[in-house]
Protein backbone atom coordinates (compact mmCIF):
# COMPACT_ATOMS: atom_id res chain seq x y z
CA MET A 1 -76.05 9.32 19.47
CA ALA A 2 -78.86 7.41 17.68
CA GLU A 3 -78.85 4.81 20.33
CA LYS A 4 -79.38 7.42 23.04
CA ASN A 5 -82.73 8.26 21.48
CA LYS A 6 -83.97 4.66 21.18
CA LYS A 7 -87.01 3.94 23.24
CA LYS A 8 -87.14 0.69 25.00
CA GLU A 9 -90.03 -1.65 23.63
CA PRO A 10 -92.39 -2.83 26.38
CA LYS A 11 -92.19 -6.49 26.99
CA HIS A 12 -95.18 -8.40 25.66
CA ASP A 13 -96.38 -11.78 26.94
CA ALA A 14 -96.67 -14.47 24.31
CA VAL A 15 -99.91 -15.06 22.77
CA VAL A 16 -99.15 -18.77 21.91
CA THR A 17 -98.02 -20.77 24.91
CA LYS A 18 -96.19 -24.03 24.86
CA ASP A 19 -99.40 -25.79 25.75
CA SER A 20 -101.38 -24.11 23.10
CA LEU A 21 -98.72 -24.85 20.52
CA SER A 22 -98.61 -28.42 21.69
CA PHE A 23 -102.27 -28.78 21.35
CA PHE A 24 -102.28 -27.29 17.84
CA GLU A 25 -99.57 -29.70 16.67
CA LYS A 26 -101.51 -32.73 18.00
CA TYR A 27 -104.83 -31.44 16.54
CA ILE A 28 -103.36 -30.64 13.04
CA ASN A 29 -101.50 -33.95 12.90
CA ASN A 30 -104.61 -35.98 13.89
CA ALA A 31 -106.32 -37.68 10.94
CA SER A 32 -109.93 -36.97 11.11
CA PRO A 33 -111.48 -37.80 7.84
CA THR A 34 -115.30 -37.18 7.28
CA GLY A 35 -117.34 -39.49 9.46
CA PHE A 36 -114.35 -40.13 11.86
CA GLU A 37 -113.98 -36.78 13.58
CA TRP A 38 -114.34 -38.19 17.01
CA GLU A 39 -110.66 -38.21 17.74
CA GLY A 40 -110.27 -34.61 16.83
CA GLN A 41 -113.38 -33.70 18.93
CA ARG A 42 -111.88 -35.59 22.02
CA LEU A 43 -108.47 -33.54 21.54
CA TRP A 44 -110.47 -30.25 21.39
CA LEU A 45 -112.72 -31.02 24.27
CA ASP A 46 -109.85 -32.19 26.44
CA TYR A 47 -107.87 -28.84 25.75
CA LEU A 48 -111.08 -26.84 26.29
CA LYS A 49 -112.25 -28.47 29.65
CA PRO A 50 -110.06 -26.30 31.96
CA TYR A 51 -111.56 -23.10 30.48
CA VAL A 52 -115.25 -23.89 30.44
CA ASP A 53 -117.98 -25.23 32.86
CA ASP A 54 -119.49 -27.72 30.40
CA THR A 55 -118.79 -29.48 27.16
CA PHE A 56 -120.98 -31.46 24.78
CA VAL A 57 -121.18 -32.83 21.22
CA ASP A 58 -124.52 -32.21 19.36
CA ASN A 59 -126.28 -34.54 16.99
CA TYR A 60 -124.24 -33.07 14.07
CA GLY A 61 -120.87 -33.75 15.70
CA THR A 62 -120.15 -30.14 16.66
CA ALA A 63 -117.96 -30.12 19.77
CA VAL A 64 -118.97 -27.22 22.04
CA GLY A 65 -117.64 -25.78 25.28
């Protein structure tokens, strides 16, 4: 009788997609010590490009999209 009163949970879309998880794994496993962050910047900007109009890296090395 308890099962009769159970409400079905609405289906939710996953927040983390396969692409975002793949990016996260590549980004976290990328060695980017101080002064050599360019590879991490490239990974971030490549991932970000489909979602933004423009990307750039400022004089301090901040990658922006």
